[in-house]
Amino acid sequence: MWLVACHARPSGAPLLTSVTPTAVTLTGGAVAMVTVRGRGFDSLNTVHFGRLRVPGVPRTNDSTMRFAVPADDAFLPGRGGAPVLPLASGTYDLRVENASGTSNALAVTVTAAQGAR
C-alpha cells in the first residue's frame, strides 16, 4: 500500500516551471499580467492565487498561459456581500487547477499601492 502526501501533485496534473515576472506592483486598481510556463494546461483553467480562486483562465498554448493578478479580493470564495478590498502586499502562491488536478505552487510577490490593505 502506498501513502501519498496530501500536497503531492497527481501525475497528470499541470506542472508549473516558471512565472514571469515574479514580482508585480498594483497601482490605481489596475491588474498586473504574469506569464506562467509549464505543461498540462487545459483550454480553461482555474488559477488559485493565495486564497483567491479565478476560474476560466485560458491557455495561450500547451505550455504557456497569461494570468491577470487581481487588484482586489473579488475572487475570494465565500466573501458574501462584504465590500471589495484591494489586494494586500505580500507573497502569494500561484497554482493552476483543471480536470487533471492541481499544479505545484510558484510564488509571486505583490506590492500594493499605498493605502491598499
Protein backbone atom coordinates (compact mmCIF):
# COMPACT_ATOMS: atom_id res chain seq x y z
CA MET A 1 0.00 0.00 0.00
CA TRP A 2 1.32 3.42 -1.00
CA LEU A 3 0.74 6.57 1.01
CA VAL A 4 0.76 9.87 -0.82
CA ALA A 5 1.29 13.22 0.87
CA CYS A 6 -1.77 15.45 0.76
CA HIS A 7 0.18 18.08 -1.20
CA ALA A 8 1.52 15.69 -3.82
CA ARG A 9 0.82 16.67 -7.43
CA PRO A 10 -1.12 13.96 -9.30
CA SER A 11 0.90 12.66 -12.26
CA GLY A 12 -1.50 14.14 -14.88
CA ALA A 13 -1.89 17.47 -13.10
CA PRO A 14 -0.44 20.68 -14.53
CA LEU A 15 3.23 21.32 -13.77
CA LEU A 16 4.43 24.91 -13.38
CA THR A 17 8.06 25.59 -14.32
CA SER A 18 8.23 29.40 -14.19
CA VAL A 19 6.28 32.60 -13.70
CA THR A 20 7.42 35.95 -15.12
CA PRO A 21 7.65 38.42 -13.53
CA THR A 22 7.93 37.05 -10.00
CA ALA A 23 7.06 40.45 -8.51
CA VAL A 24 4.32 42.89 -9.56
CA THR A 25 3.10 46.28 -8.40
CA LEU A 26 -0.63 47.02 -8.33
CA THR A 27 -1.46 50.71 -8.68
CA GLY A 28 -4.71 52.55 -9.21
CA GLY A 29 -6.86 49.41 -9.25
CA ALA A 30 -5.11 48.06 -12.36
CA VAL A 31 -4.29 44.38 -12.75
CA ALA A 32 -0.79 43.10 -13.48
CA MET A 33 -0.12 40.38 -16.06
CA VAL A 34 2.15 37.40 -15.39
CA THR A 35 3.17 34.67 -17.81
CA VAL A 36 3.01 31.13 -16.45
CA ARG A 37 5.01 28.39 -18.16
CA GLY A 38 4.73 24.67 -17.66
CA ARG A 39 2.68 21.81 -19.04
CA GLY A 40 -0.73 20.22 -18.70
CA PHE A 41 -2.81 23.37 -19.20
CA ASP A 42 -6.40 22.89 -20.42
CA SER A 43 -8.27 25.29 -22.68
CA LEU A 44 -9.78 26.80 -19.50
CA ASN A 45 -8.11 26.61 -16.08
CA THR A 46 -8.77 27.81 -12.56
CA VAL A 47 -5.93 29.83 -11.09
CA HIS A 48 -5.51 29.85 -7.32
CA PHE A 49 -3.66 32.97 -6.23
CA GLY A 50 -3.22 32.74 -2.49
CA ARG A 51 -6.81 32.34 -1.24
CA LEU A 52 -8.29 33.86 -4.42
CA ARG A 53 -9.85 31.49 -6.96
CA VAL A 54 -10.05 32.79 -10.54
CA PRO A 55 -11.97 30.46 -12.91
CA GLY A 56 -11.95 30.34 -16.71
CA VAL A 57 -8.34 31.35 -17.39
CA PRO A 58 -7.41 30.29 -20.96
CA ARG A 59 -4.05 28.91 -22.01
CA THR A 60 -2.02 30.63 -24.72
CA ASN A 61 -0.69 27.27 -25.90
CA ASP A 62 0.17 23.87 -24.40
CA SER A 63 3.00 25.30 -22.29
CA THR A 64 2.06 28.93 -21.65
CA MET A 65 -0.77 30.91 -20.11
CA ARG A 66 -1.16 34.53 -19.08
CA PHE A 67 -2.85 35.47 -15.85
CA ALA A 68 -4.06 38.87 -14.65
CA VAL A 69 -3.25 39.27 -10.96
CA PRO A 70 -6.45 40.74 -9.50
CA ALA A 71 -6.27 44.19 -7.93
CA ASP A 72 -8.81 43.23 -5.26
CA ASP A 73 -10.36 40.30 -3.40
CA ALA A 74 -13.46 39.96 -5.62
CA PHE A 75 -12.40 36.35 -6.39
CA LEU A 76 -12.24 35.35 -2.70
CA PRO A 77 -14.53 32.34 -2.18
CA GLY A 78 -17.27 32.78 0.43
CA ARG A 79 -16.85 36.54 0.71
CA GLY A 80 -20.63 37.02 0.51
CA GLY A 81 -21.77 40.63 0.37
CA ALA A 82 -18.65 42.05 2.00
CA PRO A 83 -17.18 45.15 0.36
CA VAL A 84 -14.37 44.50 -2.11
CA LEU A 85 -10.94 45.23 -0.64
CA PRO A 86 -7.70 45.94 -2.51
CA LEU A 87 -5.26 43.04 -2.67
CA ALA A 88 -2.69 43.29 0.12
CA SER A 89 1.05 43.41 -0.39
CA GLY A 90 2.75 40.07 0.18
CA THR A 91 3.87 36.84 -1.41
CA TYR A 92 1.17 34.64 -2.94
CA ASP A 93 1.30 31.03 -4.09
CA LEU A 94 0.07 30.63 -7.67
CA ARG A 95 -1.38 27.24 -8.63
CA VAL A 96 -3.25 26.05 -11.74
CA GLU A 97 -6.16 23.62 -11.45
CA ASN A 98 -8.03 21.79 -14.18
CA ALA A 99 -9.76 18.45 -14.73
CA SER A 100 -6.38 16.66 -14.41
CA GLY A 101 -5.61 18.03 -10.95
CA THR A 102 -3.80 20.91 -9.24
CA SER A 103 -0.25 22.01 -10.00
CA ASN A 104 2.69 22.74 -7.79
CA ALA A 105 2.94 26.30 -6.47
CA LEU A 106 5.15 29.16 -7.62
CA ALA A 107 5.48 32.39 -5.64
CA VAL A 108 4.51 35.86 -6.89
CA THR A 109 5.23 38.90 -4.74
CA VAL A 110 2.67 41.71 -4.86
CA THR A 111 3.35 45.29 -3.87
CA ALA A 112 0.06 47.11 -3.48
CA ALA A 113 -0.35 50.82 -3.94
CA GLN A 114 -0.22 52.90 -0.78
CA GLY A 115 -3.50 52.68 1.11
CA ALA A 116 -4.31 49.14 -0.04
CA ARG A 117 -4.86 46.53 2.63
